[in-house]
Structures are given as C-alpha cells and as structure tokens.
Amino acid sequence: LTEVKNEIGEFCSEFNRSPEEVVLLPVTKQWPVESVRFCKNAGIRSVGENRVQDALAKQVEVTGVDWELIGHLQSNKVNQVIGRFERIQTVDSLKLLDKLQVAAERRELRQKILIQVNSGEDPAKFGLFMDEVDEMLERALGCANLITEGFMTIAPYAPENPSVAQRAFIRLRELRDRLNEDFQVDLGELSMGMSGDIREAIESGSTMVRLGTALFGARKE
C-alpha cells in the first residue's frame, strides 16, 4: 500500500496534480473477505467489487466500509444492489438506468452512479459508445433518485502500448469536459486506470484508480 501510494504521488508530481485529487480504490474481487479487513484496518474507506453475490456475502462480514460496484450489472440484479452499494460505476444502458431509477424510487433512496463509457472502442468491454453518452446523460440527469457523479471506463488491454490506454482516457476526459459545458453540470468523477495503466490514467485526469494486482498480487481466477 505504501509503495502504491508513493507511486501515485510520484505520478501526480510529474503531471502537476495533487495526490488528493486521485482516490485509490482497492479491488477486492476474487479475494477472501480478509482483503477487505486489511483495507479497513489501513484506513481505506471504500473497496471495489465486480460480482454482486460475492460482494453481498462480504458485506455481511465487514461493516464500516463503502462498497463500489465496478463489474457489469445485469438488469435482473438491480433490486439486489440498490442501497447496498455506495456507488454503481457500471451503468451502461438506458434500460439499466431506468430500472435503477424505479428501484431507488420504490425504496425512497438516492443511489450514486457513474456512466460507463467504452471510450477505447474495445469490443471486449462493456460501456456506451461515445455518441450514445449525450442521450444517456440527459436521461440520467432527469432521474430524481439517481445521483450521476461522472464517468468510468476500462481501457483496452494493450500492455505493450501504453498510448492505447492513454488515448481512451483522454477521450473520456474531453467528453466529460464537453458534457459539463453543454449540460451546465459539474460531473467531477473520472474513474479510470488500473494496475497496468496508473501513470497514463493520472496524466489524463483520472480521479480514481481501481487497483487490485498492484495491492494484492496476481489475481485469482
């Protein structure tokens, strides 16, 4: 954790950013519940989980931690996640958005979300295409029970070519900036960057890096 924080600090310094601008979100998916306890004991407030059922099981065992859903959410699991996650980062369709709004309204709560964008145009990744985001944001801003805080992306996997990830990150930042101006909003969150592309993400304006391997080692499959 110390090494990762130092690395984030070095990258922020390199690109004239404050380390306080970049939140570290540990990704505890496919690791036992002890990984969440380690994070909590280290003073980390939030963790990211990919699978709904795994996360819900861990939530029973660990309290005092905010949970962020960073994996694809199937619309038939909406009722399981509403109110159980501090934020859902992977809202990637109008159908899912509408179902989240209905579920949140029914439970009389407000759910924080991020809109997932496939800014790297990777056929293997979920997320809206760039030209679909305007309509999605307009609909999201009209959902009284959803709090849209920004955007999330997963860069294409190209470890031999960091510019691929950087291009995806820059496109999302530029899209966010345009949408803020067009819709007269202030969507500050840009969740982008994982263990293999932290530097490119921070350089491109990420406000949250989602790190699993960098903290816990090779991921279990």
Protein backbone atom coordinates (compact mmCIF):
# COMPACT_ATOMS: atom_id res chain seq x y z
CA LEU A 1 0.00 0.00 0.00
CA THR A 2 2.83 2.39 0.86
CA GLU A 3 4.56 1.62 -2.43
CA VAL A 4 1.37 2.21 -4.39
CA LYS A 5 0.65 5.49 -2.62
CA ASN A 6 4.22 6.63 -3.28
CA GLU A 7 3.87 5.72 -6.94
CA ILE A 8 0.61 7.65 -7.23
CA GLY A 9 2.29 10.60 -5.52
CA GLU A 10 5.21 10.49 -7.94
CA PHE A 11 2.93 10.44 -10.96
CA CYS A 12 0.86 13.31 -9.57
CA SER A 13 4.03 15.31 -9.02
CA GLU A 14 5.20 14.54 -12.55
CA PHE A 15 1.94 15.85 -14.03
CA ASN A 16 1.43 18.79 -11.65
CA ARG A 17 -1.50 17.23 -9.84
CA SER A 18 -2.22 16.93 -6.14
CA PRO A 19 -2.30 13.38 -4.73
CA GLU A 20 -5.53 14.35 -3.00
CA GLU A 21 -7.14 14.54 -6.45
CA VAL A 22 -6.68 10.81 -7.07
CA VAL A 23 -8.57 8.30 -4.91
CA LEU A 24 -7.21 4.79 -4.56
CA LEU A 25 -9.97 2.17 -4.81
CA PRO A 26 -8.72 -1.31 -3.84
CA VAL A 27 -10.31 -4.04 -5.96
CA THR A 28 -11.00 -6.96 -3.65
CA LYS A 29 -12.80 -9.16 -6.15
CA GLN A 30 -11.88 -12.86 -6.08
CA TRP A 31 -10.02 -12.35 -2.82
CA PRO A 32 -11.30 -13.52 0.57
CA VAL A 33 -13.06 -11.19 2.97
CA GLU A 34 -9.78 -10.67 4.84
CA SER A 35 -8.66 -8.45 1.97
CA VAL A 36 -11.48 -6.04 2.83
CA ARG A 37 -10.50 -6.10 6.51
CA PHE A 38 -6.91 -5.27 5.55
CA CYS A 39 -8.17 -2.23 3.65
CA LYS A 40 -10.40 -1.12 6.50
CA ASN A 41 -7.59 -1.50 9.04
CA ALA A 42 -5.31 0.55 6.77
CA GLY A 43 -7.80 3.42 6.85
CA ILE A 44 -9.19 2.91 3.36
CA ARG A 45 -12.87 3.80 3.27
CA SER A 46 -14.03 2.17 0.03
CA VAL A 47 -13.41 -1.06 -1.87
CA GLY A 48 -14.46 -2.18 -5.33
CA GLU A 49 -16.18 -5.46 -6.15
CA ASN A 50 -17.07 -6.94 -9.53
CA ARG A 51 -19.59 -9.63 -8.66
CA VAL A 52 -22.80 -8.81 -6.86
CA GLN A 53 -23.16 -12.07 -4.93
CA ASP A 54 -19.55 -12.08 -3.74
CA ALA A 55 -19.85 -8.50 -2.55
CA LEU A 56 -23.13 -9.08 -0.71
CA ALA A 57 -21.59 -12.04 1.11
CA LYS A 58 -18.62 -9.94 2.21
CA GLN A 59 -20.88 -7.09 3.32
CA VAL A 60 -22.41 -9.40 5.92
CA GLU A 61 -18.98 -9.96 7.46
CA VAL A 62 -17.45 -6.47 7.27
CA THR A 63 -19.15 -3.23 8.25
CA GLY A 64 -17.89 0.33 8.19
CA VAL A 65 -16.72 0.12 4.58
CA ASP A 66 -18.27 1.68 1.48
CA TRP A 67 -18.72 -0.71 -1.43
CA GLU A 68 -18.48 0.31 -5.07
CA LEU A 69 -19.76 -1.96 -7.82
CA ILE A 70 -17.25 -1.92 -10.66
CA GLY A 71 -18.36 -5.03 -12.55
CA HIS A 72 -21.05 -5.36 -15.19
CA LEU A 73 -24.52 -5.18 -13.66
CA GLN A 74 -27.27 -7.32 -15.15
CA SER A 75 -30.66 -5.65 -15.04
CA ASN A 76 -32.19 -8.62 -13.21
CA LYS A 77 -29.92 -7.92 -10.23
CA VAL A 78 -30.88 -4.27 -9.79
CA ASN A 79 -33.05 -4.89 -6.74
CA GLN A 80 -30.16 -6.68 -5.04
CA VAL A 81 -27.75 -3.77 -5.40
CA ILE A 82 -29.89 -0.68 -4.76
CA GLY A 83 -28.93 0.77 -1.40
CA ARG A 84 -26.28 -1.91 -0.82
CA PHE A 85 -23.53 -0.15 -2.75
CA GLU A 86 -22.33 3.38 -2.13
CA ARG A 87 -21.98 3.77 -5.88
CA ILE A 88 -22.61 1.77 -9.04
CA GLN A 89 -19.87 2.60 -11.54
CA THR A 90 -21.09 0.50 -14.45
CA VAL A 91 -24.36 2.00 -15.67
CA ASP A 92 -24.09 1.30 -19.37
CA SER A 93 -27.59 1.30 -20.89
CA LEU A 94 -30.85 3.24 -20.81
CA LYS A 95 -32.66 0.06 -19.75
CA LEU A 96 -30.40 -0.38 -16.73
CA LEU A 97 -30.66 3.31 -15.86
CA ASP A 98 -34.45 3.18 -15.88
CA LYS A 99 -34.53 0.05 -13.73
CA LEU A 100 -32.19 1.64 -11.19
CA GLN A 101 -34.39 4.73 -11.03
CA VAL A 102 -37.54 2.65 -10.45
CA ALA A 103 -35.86 0.55 -7.75
CA ALA A 104 -34.40 3.58 -5.98
CA GLU A 105 -37.71 5.43 -6.07
CA ARG A 106 -39.51 2.40 -4.67
CA ARG A 107 -37.11 2.28 -1.74
CA GLU A 108 -37.17 6.04 -1.29
CA LEU A 109 -33.42 6.47 -1.54
CA ARG A 110 -30.92 8.16 -3.82
CA GLN A 111 -28.30 6.00 -5.48
CA LYS A 112 -24.94 7.33 -6.68
CA ILE A 113 -23.89 6.18 -10.14
CA LEU A 114 -21.25 6.59 -12.81
CA ILE A 115 -21.93 6.17 -16.51
CA GLN A 116 -19.64 3.57 -18.08
CA VAL A 117 -18.22 4.58 -21.45
CA ASN A 118 -16.31 2.36 -23.86
CA SER A 119 -14.02 5.21 -24.82
CA GLY A 120 -11.41 2.80 -26.17
CA GLU A 121 -13.95 1.26 -28.57
CA ASP A 122 -12.93 -2.20 -27.38
CA PRO A 123 -15.42 -4.89 -28.48
CA ALA A 124 -14.43 -6.95 -25.43
CA LYS A 125 -15.52 -4.23 -22.98
CA PHE A 126 -18.90 -3.05 -21.72
CA GLY A 127 -19.89 0.59 -21.86
CA LEU A 128 -21.68 3.10 -24.03
CA PHE A 129 -20.12 4.26 -27.25
CA MET A 130 -19.10 7.90 -27.28
CA ASP A 131 -22.01 9.03 -29.43
CA GLU A 132 -24.54 7.45 -27.06
CA VAL A 133 -23.47 9.33 -23.94
CA ASP A 134 -25.32 12.61 -24.54
CA GLU A 135 -28.70 10.86 -24.57
CA MET A 136 -27.73 8.74 -21.56
CA LEU A 137 -26.63 11.74 -19.52
CA GLU A 138 -29.76 13.71 -20.37
CA ARG A 139 -31.89 10.78 -19.16
CA ALA A 140 -29.74 10.25 -16.07
CA LEU A 141 -29.97 13.89 -15.02
CA GLY A 142 -33.73 13.54 -15.16
CA CYS A 143 -33.76 10.60 -12.74
CA ALA A 144 -34.70 12.12 -9.38
CA ASN A 145 -33.45 9.15 -7.37
CA LEU A 146 -30.08 8.75 -9.09
CA ILE A 147 -27.07 10.96 -8.44
CA THR A 148 -24.85 10.97 -11.51
CA GLU A 149 -21.32 11.85 -10.40
CA GLY A 150 -19.27 11.25 -13.53
CA PHE A 151 -17.91 8.55 -15.78
CA MET A 152 -15.99 5.29 -15.73
CA THR A 153 -14.03 3.42 -18.38
CA ILE A 154 -11.85 0.34 -18.76
CA ALA A 155 -9.08 0.83 -21.28
CA PRO A 156 -8.33 -1.79 -23.93
CA TYR A 157 -5.74 -4.33 -22.79
CA ALA A 158 -2.50 -3.41 -24.58
CA PRO A 159 0.38 -3.63 -22.06
CA GLU A 160 2.97 -3.30 -24.83
CA ASN A 161 1.48 0.01 -25.98
CA PRO A 162 0.55 2.43 -23.14
CA SER A 163 -0.69 5.01 -25.63
CA VAL A 164 -3.76 2.84 -26.29
CA ALA A 165 -4.95 3.27 -22.71
CA GLN A 166 -3.95 6.92 -22.65
CA ARG A 167 -5.99 7.62 -25.77
CA ALA A 168 -9.08 6.05 -24.18
CA PHE A 169 -8.60 8.08 -21.00
CA ILE A 170 -8.09 11.38 -22.81
CA ARG A 171 -11.18 10.81 -24.95
CA LEU A 172 -13.29 10.28 -21.84
CA ARG A 173 -11.89 13.35 -20.10
CA GLU A 174 -12.56 15.50 -23.15
CA LEU A 175 -16.07 14.08 -23.43
CA ARG A 176 -16.72 14.81 -19.75
CA ASP A 177 -15.49 18.37 -20.16
CA ARG A 178 -17.76 18.97 -23.15
CA LEU A 179 -20.78 17.46 -21.42
CA ASN A 180 -20.20 19.60 -18.33
CA GLU A 181 -20.33 22.66 -20.55
CA ASP A 182 -23.24 21.52 -22.71
CA PHE A 183 -25.43 20.44 -19.80
CA GLN A 184 -24.21 23.09 -17.34
CA VAL A 185 -23.29 20.47 -14.74
CA ASP A 186 -20.18 19.61 -12.75
CA LEU A 187 -19.54 15.89 -13.13
CA GLY A 188 -16.17 15.62 -11.46
CA GLU A 189 -15.57 11.88 -11.20
CA LEU A 190 -13.43 10.08 -13.76
CA SER A 191 -12.90 6.50 -12.62
CA MET A 192 -10.20 5.29 -14.97
CA GLY A 193 -6.97 3.41 -14.60
CA MET A 194 -5.98 0.03 -13.20
CA SER A 195 -2.74 -1.56 -12.06
CA GLY A 196 -1.22 -1.65 -15.53
CA ASP A 197 -2.01 1.90 -16.62
CA ILE A 198 -1.88 4.07 -13.48
CA ARG A 199 0.57 6.55 -15.00
CA GLU A 200 -1.47 7.13 -18.15
CA ALA A 201 -4.67 7.49 -16.12
CA ILE A 202 -3.25 10.09 -13.76
CA GLU A 203 -1.70 12.04 -16.62
CA SER A 204 -5.08 12.05 -18.37
CA GLY A 205 -7.07 13.37 -15.40
CA SER A 206 -8.30 10.31 -13.52
CA THR A 207 -9.85 10.99 -10.13
CA MET A 208 -9.99 7.33 -9.10
CA VAL A 209 -7.71 4.40 -9.91
CA ARG A 210 -9.03 0.89 -9.36
CA LEU A 211 -6.16 -1.28 -8.18
CA GLY A 212 -6.17 -5.00 -7.47
CA THR A 213 -2.96 -6.63 -8.64
CA ALA A 214 -0.80 -3.72 -7.52
CA LEU A 215 -2.05 -4.20 -3.95
CA PHE A 216 -2.81 -7.90 -3.59
CA GLY A 217 -0.64 -9.61 -6.19
CA ALA A 218 -1.65 -11.79 -9.11
CA ARG A 219 -5.41 -12.13 -9.36
CA LYS A 220 -7.01 -15.47 -8.55
CA GLU A 221 -9.10 -16.95 -11.35
